[in-house]
Amino acid sequence: MFGAHDGIAIAVAPHAVSAAALSVAVGSTGAFKHLETHELFTQDQLGQMLAKASAAVQVYRPPGQQQ
């Protein structure tokens, strides 16, 4: 690959904790100089996140702008 990373692997895990455990196990071998993980979300999950964000933005005030 011609970029910041030498390769990519896609794995399916039953939940985020299992995926994190796999990442820690692979990373602990020292076989990789750089390792990062990204969780993918379904359309339904994205809709839920956007709804929660919409509700949160109504009450969130950045530091220094508190009422």
Protein backbone atom coordinates (compact mmCIF):
# COMPACT_ATOMS: atom_id res chain seq x y z
CA MET A 1 0.00 0.00 0.00
CA PHE A 2 1.20 3.50 -0.67
CA GLY A 3 0.18 5.45 2.39
CA ALA A 4 0.54 5.87 6.10
CA HIS A 5 -0.13 2.20 6.81
CA ASP A 6 1.40 -0.99 5.46
CA GLY A 7 -1.79 -3.04 5.61
CA ILE A 8 -5.31 -3.36 6.86
CA ALA A 9 -7.26 -6.15 8.52
CA ILE A 10 -11.01 -6.32 9.01
CA ALA A 11 -12.34 -8.52 11.79
CA VAL A 12 -15.85 -9.23 13.03
CA ALA A 13 -16.26 -9.60 16.78
CA PRO A 14 -19.39 -10.18 18.86
CA HIS A 15 -18.91 -6.88 20.73
CA ALA A 16 -16.45 -4.02 21.33
CA VAL A 17 -14.84 -5.70 24.36
CA SER A 18 -13.86 -8.75 22.29
CA ALA A 19 -12.50 -6.53 19.52
CA ALA A 20 -10.47 -4.55 22.06
CA ALA A 21 -9.11 -7.77 23.57
CA LEU A 22 -8.02 -8.97 20.13
CA SER A 23 -6.33 -5.63 19.47
CA VAL A 24 -4.46 -5.78 22.79
CA ALA A 25 -3.40 -9.38 22.20
CA VAL A 26 -2.08 -8.67 18.70
CA GLY A 27 -0.44 -5.41 19.75
CA SER A 28 1.30 -7.01 22.73
CA THR A 29 3.31 -9.29 20.43
CA GLY A 30 5.42 -6.35 19.24
CA ALA A 31 4.95 -7.48 15.64
CA PHE A 32 3.47 -4.13 14.61
CA LYS A 33 5.00 -0.66 14.82
CA HIS A 34 1.58 1.01 14.77
CA LEU A 35 -1.83 -0.51 15.48
CA GLU A 36 -5.22 1.18 15.68
CA THR A 37 -8.81 0.01 15.74
CA HIS A 38 -12.02 1.61 14.52
CA GLU A 39 -15.54 0.50 15.30
CA LEU A 40 -18.02 0.54 12.43
CA PHE A 41 -21.65 1.42 13.04
CA THR A 42 -24.82 0.29 11.30
CA GLN A 43 -27.30 2.77 9.82
CA ASP A 44 -29.65 2.09 12.73
CA GLN A 45 -26.90 2.81 15.27
CA LEU A 46 -26.00 6.00 13.40
CA GLY A 47 -29.63 7.14 13.59
CA GLN A 48 -29.66 6.50 17.33
CA MET A 49 -26.41 8.43 17.80
CA LEU A 50 -27.72 11.41 15.83
CA ALA A 51 -30.94 11.47 17.87
CA LYS A 52 -28.98 11.44 21.14
CA ALA A 53 -26.62 14.12 19.85
CA SER A 54 -29.57 16.29 18.87
CA ALA A 55 -30.97 16.01 22.40
CA ALA A 56 -27.57 16.65 24.00
CA VAL A 57 -26.86 19.78 21.98
CA GLN A 58 -30.00 21.35 23.49
CA VAL A 59 -28.52 21.19 27.02
CA TYR A 60 -24.74 21.24 26.49
CA ARG A 61 -22.92 24.50 27.09
CA PRO A 62 -19.18 24.76 26.37
CA PRO A 63 -16.93 25.71 29.30
CA GLY A 64 -16.98 29.46 29.90
CA GLN A 65 -20.49 29.76 28.46
CA GLN A 66 -22.36 28.33 31.42
CA GLN A 67 -25.57 30.10 32.48
